[in-house]
Amino acid sequence: MDTTKFKTEEEKKHAESVRKIVLQHCVACHQQLDLLQLRLINFEDLVNGVQDTIQLTNKQLSELNFEKAGVSIQPTKLKKV
C-alpha cells in the first residue's frame, strides 16, 4: 500500500465523475450494439451513434477538466508530528 499518495476530497470527486462518464459511454455503446444485434438498426446507424457518443463523452470530459482547472488544487503537504 502506497502511503505517499493521498487524495483530497476534490480529487476523489473528480475521479468519481470521470468513472461515471466512462461508464455512461460504455453503456451507451453496449446498448447500440444490442440494437444492431436485434437488427433494429443497421451498421451505419451504429457508426453514427457511436460517433455521437464519442463526441458527447469528449465534451463531458472537457467540461469536467475545465471545471477542475478552474479550482486551484494544491498538493497537501504532510507535516511530521
PDB file of N, CA and C in Angstrom:
ATOM      1  N   MET A   1       0.838  -1.177   0.000  1.00  0.00           N
ATOM      2  CA  MET A   1       0.000   0.000   0.000  1.00  0.00           C
ATOM      3  C   MET A   1       0.884   1.241   0.000  1.00  0.00           C
ATOM      4  N   ASP A   2       0.626   2.140  -0.941  1.00  0.00           N
ATOM      5  CA  ASP A   2       1.406   3.366  -1.061  1.00  0.00           C
ATOM      6  C   ASP A   2       0.816   4.444  -0.159  1.00  0.00           C
ATOM      7  N   THR A   3       1.560   4.827   0.839  1.00  0.00           N
ATOM      8  CA  THR A   3       1.062   5.816   1.798  1.00  0.00           C
ATOM      9  C   THR A   3       1.563   7.221   1.500  1.00  0.00           C
ATOM     10  N   THR A   4       2.189   7.411   0.333  1.00  0.00           N
ATOM     11  CA  THR A   4       2.689   8.737  -0.006  1.00  0.00           C
ATOM     12  C   THR A   4       1.762   9.483  -0.959  1.00  0.00           C
ATOM     13  N   LYS A   5       0.764   8.815  -1.490  1.00  0.00           N
ATOM     14  CA  LYS A   5      -0.147   9.446  -2.454  1.00  0.00           C
ATOM     15  C   LYS A   5      -1.556   9.486  -1.884  1.00  0.00           C
ATOM     16  N   PHE A   6      -1.837  10.529  -1.147  1.00  0.00           N
ATOM     17  CA  PHE A   6      -3.164  10.712  -0.589  1.00  0.00           C
ATOM     18  C   PHE A   6      -3.956  11.621  -1.520  1.00  0.00           C
ATOM     19  N   LYS A   7      -5.265  11.378  -1.616  1.00  0.00           N
ATOM     20  CA  LYS A   7      -6.121  12.204  -2.469  1.00  0.00           C
ATOM     21  C   LYS A   7      -7.007  13.083  -1.602  1.00  0.00           C
ATOM     22  N   THR A   8      -7.180  14.308  -2.067  1.00  0.00           N
ATOM     23  CA  THR A   8      -8.096  15.205  -1.376  1.00  0.00           C
ATOM     24  C   THR A   8      -9.521  14.829  -1.760  1.00  0.00           C
ATOM     25  N   GLU A   9     -10.480  15.384  -1.056  1.00  0.00           N
ATOM     26  CA  GLU A   9     -11.882  15.121  -1.380  1.00  0.00           C
ATOM     27  C   GLU A   9     -12.207  15.589  -2.795  1.00  0.00           C
ATOM     28  N   GLU A  10     -11.629  16.713  -3.192  1.00  0.00           N
ATOM     29  CA  GLU A  10     -11.859  17.246  -4.536  1.00  0.00           C
ATOM     30  C   GLU A  10     -11.319  16.284  -5.596  1.00  0.00           C
ATOM     31  N   GLU A  11     -10.155  15.716  -5.360  1.00  0.00           N
ATOM     32  CA  GLU A  11      -9.577  14.754  -6.307  1.00  0.00           C
ATOM     33  C   GLU A  11     -10.409  13.481  -6.360  1.00  0.00           C
ATOM     34  N   LYS A  12     -10.936  13.049  -5.234  1.00  0.00           N
ATOM     35  CA  LYS A  12     -11.796  11.864  -5.206  1.00  0.00           C
ATOM     36  C   LYS A  12     -13.080  12.113  -5.988  1.00  0.00           C
ATOM     37  N   LYS A  13     -13.670  13.308  -5.830  1.00  0.00           N
ATOM     38  CA  LYS A  13     -14.886  13.653  -6.564  1.00  0.00           C
ATOM     39  C   LYS A  13     -14.622  13.688  -8.059  1.00  0.00           C
ATOM     40  N   HIS A  14     -13.471  14.250  -8.448  1.00  0.00           N
ATOM     41  CA  HIS A  14     -13.123  14.316  -9.865  1.00  0.00           C
ATOM     42  C   HIS A  14     -12.953  12.913 -10.448  1.00  0.00           C
ATOM     43  N   ALA A  15     -12.262  12.048  -9.737  1.00  0.00           N
ATOM     44  CA  ALA A  15     -12.051  10.672 -10.209  1.00  0.00           C
ATOM     45  C   ALA A  15     -13.388   9.942 -10.338  1.00  0.00           C
ATOM     46  N   GLU A  16     -14.290  10.157  -9.393  1.00  0.00           N
ATOM     47  CA  GLU A  16     -15.610   9.522  -9.451  1.00  0.00           C
ATOM     48  C   GLU A  16     -16.406  10.045 -10.638  1.00  0.00           C
ATOM     49  N   SER A  17     -16.308  11.330 -10.913  1.00  0.00           N
ATOM     50  CA  SER A  17     -17.010  11.908 -12.061  1.00  0.00           C
ATOM     51  C   SER A  17     -16.487  11.326 -13.370  1.00  0.00           C
ATOM     52  N   VAL A  18     -15.171  11.150 -13.460  1.00  0.00           N
ATOM     53  CA  VAL A  18     -14.581  10.546 -14.670  1.00  0.00           C
ATOM     54  C   VAL A  18     -15.093   9.119 -14.830  1.00  0.00           C
ATOM     55  N   ARG A  19     -15.139   8.361 -13.745  1.00  0.00           N
ATOM     56  CA  ARG A  19     -15.646   6.976 -13.804  1.00  0.00           C
ATOM     57  C   ARG A  19     -17.089   6.942 -14.293  1.00  0.00           C
ATOM     58  N   LYS A  20     -17.907   7.874 -13.811  1.00  0.00           N
ATOM     59  CA  LYS A  20     -19.317   7.910 -14.221  1.00  0.00           C
ATOM     60  C   LYS A  20     -19.452   8.206 -15.709  1.00  0.00           C
ATOM     61  N   ILE A  21     -18.649   9.143 -16.208  1.00  0.00           N
ATOM     62  CA  ILE A  21     -18.704   9.488 -17.630  1.00  0.00           C
ATOM     63  C   ILE A  21     -18.276   8.303 -18.482  1.00  0.00           C
ATOM     64  N   VAL A  22     -17.217   7.630 -18.082  1.00  0.00           N
ATOM     65  CA  VAL A  22     -16.727   6.473 -18.844  1.00  0.00           C
ATOM     66  C   VAL A  22     -17.763   5.338 -18.822  1.00  0.00           C
ATOM     67  N   LEU A  23     -18.361   5.093 -17.671  1.00  0.00           N
ATOM     68  CA  LEU A  23     -19.387   4.051 -17.579  1.00  0.00           C
ATOM     69  C   LEU A  23     -20.575   4.394 -18.459  1.00  0.00           C
ATOM     70  N   GLN A  24     -20.995   5.658 -18.445  1.00  0.00           N
ATOM     71  CA  GLN A  24     -22.109   6.094 -19.280  1.00  0.00           C
ATOM     72  C   GLN A  24     -21.791   5.863 -20.760  1.00  0.00           C
ATOM     73  N   HIS A  25     -20.559   6.148 -21.153  1.00  0.00           N
ATOM     74  CA  HIS A  25     -20.117   5.936 -22.530  1.00  0.00           C
ATOM     75  C   HIS A  25     -20.194   4.451 -22.904  1.00  0.00           C
ATOM     76  N   CYS A  26     -19.687   3.602 -22.025  1.00  0.00           N
ATOM     77  CA  CYS A  26     -19.682   2.162 -22.296  1.00  0.00           C
ATOM     78  C   CYS A  26     -21.098   1.606 -22.396  1.00  0.00           C
ATOM     79  N   VAL A  27     -21.975   2.059 -21.518  1.00  0.00           N
ATOM     80  CA  VAL A  27     -23.366   1.583 -21.540  1.00  0.00           C
ATOM     81  C   VAL A  27     -24.047   2.002 -22.835  1.00  0.00           C
ATOM     82  N   ALA A  28     -23.825   3.255 -23.262  1.00  0.00           N
ATOM     83  CA  ALA A  28     -24.441   3.741 -24.498  1.00  0.00           C
ATOM     84  C   ALA A  28     -23.972   2.915 -25.700  1.00  0.00           C
ATOM     85  N   CYS A  29     -22.675   2.635 -25.762  1.00  0.00           N
ATOM     86  CA  CYS A  29     -22.151   1.824 -26.874  1.00  0.00           C
ATOM     87  C   CYS A  29     -22.702   0.403 -26.823  1.00  0.00           C
ATOM     88  N   HIS A  30     -22.796  -0.161 -25.640  1.00  0.00           N
ATOM     89  CA  HIS A  30     -23.321  -1.518 -25.488  1.00  0.00           C
ATOM     90  C   HIS A  30     -24.781  -1.578 -25.928  1.00  0.00           C
ATOM     91  N   GLN A  31     -25.557  -0.574 -25.570  1.00  0.00           N
ATOM     92  CA  GLN A  31     -26.964  -0.545 -25.976  1.00  0.00           C
ATOM     93  C   GLN A  31     -27.084  -0.468 -27.488  1.00  0.00           C
ATOM     94  N   GLN A  32     -26.211   0.306 -28.114  1.00  0.00           N
ATOM     95  CA  GLN A  32     -26.246   0.414 -29.568  1.00  0.00           C
ATOM     96  C   GLN A  32     -25.872  -0.915 -30.224  1.00  0.00           C
ATOM     97  N   LEU A  33     -24.923  -1.620 -29.647  1.00  0.00           N
ATOM     98  CA  LEU A  33     -24.570  -2.941 -30.175  1.00  0.00           C
ATOM     99  C   LEU A  33     -25.730  -3.923 -30.024  1.00  0.00           C
ATOM    100  N   ASP A  34     -26.433  -3.826 -28.902  1.00  0.00           N
ATOM    101  CA  ASP A  34     -27.613  -4.678 -28.712  1.00  0.00           C
ATOM    102  C   ASP A  34     -28.663  -4.396 -29.783  1.00  0.00           C
ATOM    103  N   LEU A  35     -28.872  -3.116 -30.093  1.00  0.00           N
ATOM    104  CA  LEU A  35     -29.847  -2.758 -31.132  1.00  0.00           C
ATOM    105  C   LEU A  35     -29.416  -3.306 -32.489  1.00  0.00           C
ATOM    106  N   LEU A  36     -28.117  -3.268 -32.759  1.00  0.00           N
ATOM    107  CA  LEU A  36     -27.615  -3.826 -34.020  1.00  0.00           C
ATOM    108  C   LEU A  36     -27.830  -5.332 -34.051  1.00  0.00           C
ATOM    109  N   GLN A  37     -27.552  -5.987 -32.936  1.00  0.00           N
ATOM    110  CA  GLN A  37     -27.713  -7.436 -32.863  1.00  0.00           C
ATOM    111  C   GLN A  37     -29.175  -7.836 -33.072  1.00  0.00           C
ATOM    112  N   LEU A  38     -30.091  -7.033 -32.552  1.00  0.00           N
ATOM    113  CA  LEU A  38     -31.523  -7.317 -32.718  1.00  0.00           C
ATOM    114  C   LEU A  38     -32.051  -6.838 -34.068  1.00  0.00           C
ATOM    115  N   ARG A  39     -31.157  -6.299 -34.870  1.00  0.00           N
ATOM    116  CA  ARG A  39     -31.476  -5.790 -36.206  1.00  0.00           C
ATOM    117  C   ARG A  39     -32.504  -4.661 -36.175  1.00  0.00           C
ATOM    118  N   LEU A  40     -32.454  -3.871 -35.107  1.00  0.00           N
ATOM    119  CA  LEU A  40     -33.330  -2.705 -35.010  1.00  0.00           C
ATOM    120  C   LEU A  40     -32.673  -1.468 -35.621  1.00  0.00           C
ATOM    121  N   ILE A  41     -31.341  -1.542 -35.796  1.00  0.00           N
ATOM    122  CA  ILE A  41     -30.603  -0.506 -36.508  1.00  0.00           C
ATOM    123  C   ILE A  41     -29.630  -1.195 -37.446  1.00  0.00           C
ATOM    124  N   ASN A  42     -29.169  -0.446 -38.453  1.00  0.00           N
ATOM    125  CA  ASN A  42     -28.160  -1.025 -39.347  1.00  0.00           C
ATOM    126  C   ASN A  42     -26.776  -0.537 -38.934  1.00  0.00           C
ATOM    127  N   PHE A  43     -25.759  -1.002 -39.639  1.00  0.00           N
ATOM    128  CA  PHE A  43     -24.381  -0.695 -39.242  1.00  0.00           C
ATOM    129  C   PHE A  43     -24.083   0.796 -39.333  1.00  0.00           C
ATOM    130  N   GLU A  44     -24.637   1.459 -40.348  1.00  0.00           N
ATOM    131  CA  GLU A  44     -24.416   2.908 -40.485  1.00  0.00           C
ATOM    132  C   GLU A  44     -24.998   3.663 -39.295  1.00  0.00           C
ATOM    133  N   ASP A  45     -26.168   3.224 -38.819  1.00  0.00           N
ATOM    134  CA  ASP A  45     -26.756   3.836 -37.624  1.00  0.00           C
ATOM    135  C   ASP A  45     -25.854   3.620 -36.416  1.00  0.00           C
ATOM    136  N   LEU A  46     -25.263   2.444 -36.330  1.00  0.00           N
ATOM    137  CA  LEU A  46     -24.342   2.150 -35.230  1.00  0.00           C
ATOM    138  C   LEU A  46     -23.143   3.089 -35.274  1.00  0.00           C
ATOM    139  N   VAL A  47     -22.557   3.241 -36.445  1.00  0.00           N
ATOM    140  CA  VAL A  47     -21.391   4.108 -36.598  1.00  0.00           C
ATOM    141  C   VAL A  47     -21.746   5.543 -36.196  1.00  0.00           C
ATOM    142  N   ASN A  48     -22.880   6.029 -36.675  1.00  0.00           N
ATOM    143  CA  ASN A  48     -23.299   7.393 -36.333  1.00  0.00           C
ATOM    144  C   ASN A  48     -23.575   7.531 -34.837  1.00  0.00           C
ATOM    145  N   GLY A  49     -24.209   6.538 -34.252  1.00  0.00           N
ATOM    146  CA  GLY A  49     -24.491   6.574 -32.824  1.00  0.00           C
ATOM    147  C   GLY A  49     -23.234   6.557 -31.976  1.00  0.00           C
ATOM    148  N   VAL A  50     -22.272   5.745 -32.373  1.00  0.00           N
ATOM    149  CA  VAL A  50     -21.007   5.679 -31.623  1.00  0.00           C
ATOM    150  C   VAL A  50     -20.244   6.996 -31.763  1.00  0.00           C
ATOM    151  N   GLN A  51     -20.260   7.584 -32.950  1.00  0.00           N
ATOM    152  CA  GLN A  51     -19.597   8.880 -33.133  1.00  0.00           C
ATOM    153  C   GLN A  51     -20.245   9.938 -32.249  1.00  0.00           C
ATOM    154  N   ASP A  52     -21.566   9.940 -32.183  1.00  0.00           N
ATOM    155  CA  ASP A  52     -22.269  10.888 -31.314  1.00  0.00           C
ATOM    156  C   ASP A  52     -21.906  10.645 -29.849  1.00  0.00           C
ATOM    157  N   THR A  53     -21.813   9.383 -29.468  1.00  0.00           N
ATOM    158  CA  THR A  53     -21.461   9.037 -28.089  1.00  0.00           C
ATOM    159  C   THR A  53     -20.042   9.499 -27.769  1.00  0.00           C
ATOM    160  N   ILE A  54     -19.127   9.322 -28.703  1.00  0.00           N
ATOM    161  CA  ILE A  54     -17.747   9.760 -28.504  1.00  0.00           C
ATOM    162  C   ILE A  54     -17.688  11.280 -28.352  1.00  0.00           C
ATOM    163  N   GLN A  55     -18.419  11.999 -29.195  1.00  0.00           N
ATOM    164  CA  GLN A  55     -18.435  13.459 -29.095  1.00  0.00           C
ATOM    165  C   GLN A  55     -18.997  13.913 -27.751  1.00  0.00           C
ATOM    166  N   LEU A  56     -20.076  13.277 -27.309  1.00  0.00           N
ATOM    167  CA  LEU A  56     -20.678  13.629 -26.023  1.00  0.00           C
ATOM    168  C   LEU A  56     -19.701  13.351 -24.877  1.00  0.00           C
ATOM    169  N   THR A  57     -19.058  12.206 -24.932  1.00  0.00           N
ATOM    170  CA  THR A  57     -18.100  11.840 -23.882  1.00  0.00           C
ATOM    171  C   THR A  57     -16.934  12.821 -23.847  1.00  0.00           C
ATOM    172  N   ASN A  58     -16.401  13.162 -25.014  1.00  0.00           N
ATOM    173  CA  ASN A  58     -15.299  14.131 -25.068  1.00  0.00           C
ATOM    174  C   ASN A  58     -15.730  15.478 -24.509  1.00  0.00           C
ATOM    175  N   LYS A  59     -16.949  15.906 -24.842  1.00  0.00           N
ATOM    176  CA  LYS A  59     -17.461  17.180 -24.334  1.00  0.00           C
ATOM    177  C   LYS A  59     -17.577  17.137 -22.810  1.00  0.00           C
ATOM    178  N   GLN A  60     -18.133  16.050 -22.286  1.00  0.00           N
ATOM    179  CA  GLN A  60     -18.298  15.927 -20.833  1.00  0.00           C
ATOM    180  C   GLN A  60     -16.946  15.911 -20.125  1.00  0.00           C
ATOM    181  N   LEU A  61     -15.979  15.182 -20.673  1.00  0.00           N
ATOM    182  CA  LEU A  61     -14.649  15.130 -20.062  1.00  0.00           C
ATOM    183  C   LEU A  61     -13.952  16.487 -20.143  1.00  0.00           C
ATOM    184  N   SER A  62     -14.121  17.189 -21.253  1.00  0.00           N
ATOM    185  CA  SER A  62     -13.523  18.519 -21.386  1.00  0.00           C
ATOM    186  C   SER A  62     -14.113  19.483 -20.366  1.00  0.00           C
ATOM    187  N   GLU A  63     -15.439  19.436 -20.214  1.00  0.00           N
ATOM    188  CA  GLU A  63     -16.097  20.313 -19.245  1.00  0.00           C
ATOM    189  C   GLU A  63     -15.632  19.978 -17.827  1.00  0.00           C
ATOM    190  N   LEU A  64     -15.499  18.704 -17.548  1.00  0.00           N
ATOM    191  CA  LEU A  64     -15.062  18.283 -16.220  1.00  0.00           C
ATOM    192  C   LEU A  64     -13.640  18.754 -15.951  1.00  0.00           C
ATOM    193  N   ASN A  65     -12.757  18.630 -16.929  1.00  0.00           N
ATOM    194  CA  ASN A  65     -11.373  19.069 -16.757  1.00  0.00           C
ATOM    195  C   ASN A  65     -11.288  20.590 -16.690  1.00  0.00           C
ATOM    196  N   PHE A  66     -12.173  21.270 -17.408  1.00  0.00           N
ATOM    197  CA  PHE A  66     -12.207  22.728 -17.353  1.00  0.00           C
ATOM    198  C   PHE A  66     -12.633  23.188 -15.968  1.00  0.00           C
ATOM    199  N   GLU A  67     -13.630  22.514 -15.404  1.00  0.00           N
ATOM    200  CA  GLU A  67     -14.076  22.843 -14.051  1.00  0.00           C
ATOM    201  C   GLU A  67     -12.957  22.592 -13.045  1.00  0.00           C
ATOM    202  N   LYS A  68     -12.243  21.492 -13.225  1.00  0.00           N
ATOM    203  CA  LYS A  68     -11.146  21.175 -12.302  1.00  0.00           C
ATOM    204  C   LYS A  68     -10.035  22.210 -12.425  1.00  0.00           C
ATOM    205  N   ALA A  69      -9.765  22.660 -13.646  1.00  0.00           N
ATOM    206  CA  ALA A  69      -8.716  23.648 -13.858  1.00  0.00           C
ATOM    207  C   ALA A  69      -9.085  24.983 -13.213  1.00  0.00           C
ATOM    208  N   GLY A  70     -10.375  25.257 -13.136  1.00  0.00           N
ATOM    209  CA  GLY A  70     -10.832  26.489 -12.508  1.00  0.00           C
ATOM    210  C   GLY A  70     -10.604  26.505 -11.016  1.00  0.00           C
ATOM    211  N   VAL A  71     -10.525  25.334 -10.427  1.00  0.00           N
ATOM    212  CA  VAL A  71     -10.283  25.222  -8.991  1.00  0.00           C
ATOM    213  C   VAL A  71      -8.814  24.897  -8.807  1.00  0.00           C
ATOM    214  N   SER A  72      -8.119  25.745  -8.123  1.00  0.00           N
ATOM    215  CA  SER A  72      -6.699  25.523  -7.892  1.00  0.00           C
ATOM    216  C   SER A  72      -6.522  24.472  -6.813  1.00  0.00           C
ATOM    217  N   ILE A  73      -6.006  23.340  -7.225  1.00  0.00           N
ATOM    218  CA  ILE A  73      -5.789  22.252  -6.278  1.00  0.00           C
ATOM    219  C   ILE A  73      -4.297  22.144  -6.012  1.00  0.00           C
ATOM    220  N   GLN A  74      -3.901  22.458  -4.806  1.00  0.00           N
ATOM    221  CA  GLN A  74      -2.511  22.355  -4.410  1.00  0.00           C
ATOM    222  C   GLN A  74      -2.308  21.034  -3.680  1.00  0.00           C
ATOM    223  N   PRO A  75      -1.209  20.368  -3.941  1.00  0.00           N
ATOM    224  CA  PRO A  75      -0.959  19.131  -3.207  1.00  0.00           C
ATOM    225  C   PRO A  75      -0.827  19.417  -1.718  1.00  0.00           C
ATOM    226  N   THR A  76      -1.390  18.554  -0.925  1.00  0.00           N
ATOM    227  CA  THR A  76      -1.343  18.717   0.519  1.00  0.00           C
ATOM    228  C   THR A  76       0.025  18.293   1.017  1.00  0.00           C
ATOM    229  N   LYS A  77       0.633  19.169   1.793  1.00  0.00           N
ATOM    230  CA  LYS A  77       1.946  18.853   2.351  1.00  0.00           C
ATOM    231  C   LYS A  77       1.738  18.255   3.737  1.00  0.00           C
ATOM    232  N   LEU A  78       2.379  17.143   3.962  1.00  0.00           N
ATOM    233  CA  LEU A  78       2.280  16.480   5.260  1.00  0.00           C
ATOM    234  C   LEU A  78       3.352  16.996   6.193  1.00  0.00           C
ATOM    235  N   LYS A  79       2.984  17.143   7.447  1.00  0.00           N
ATOM    236  CA  LYS A  79       3.931  17.612   8.448  1.00  0.00           C
ATOM    237  C   LYS A  79       4.272  16.476   9.386  1.00  0.00           C
ATOM    238  N   LYS A  80       5.510  16.445   9.820  1.00  0.00           N
ATOM    239  CA  LYS A  80       5.899  15.467  10.822  1.00  0.00           C
ATOM    240  C   LYS A  80       5.399  15.947  12.167  1.00  0.00           C
ATOM    241  N   VAL A  81       4.858  15.036  12.933  1.00  0.00           N
ATOM    242  CA  VAL A  81       4.318  15.403  14.236  1.00  0.00           C
ATOM    243  C   VAL A  81       5.217  14.898  15.336  1.00  0.00           C
TER     244      VAL A  81
END
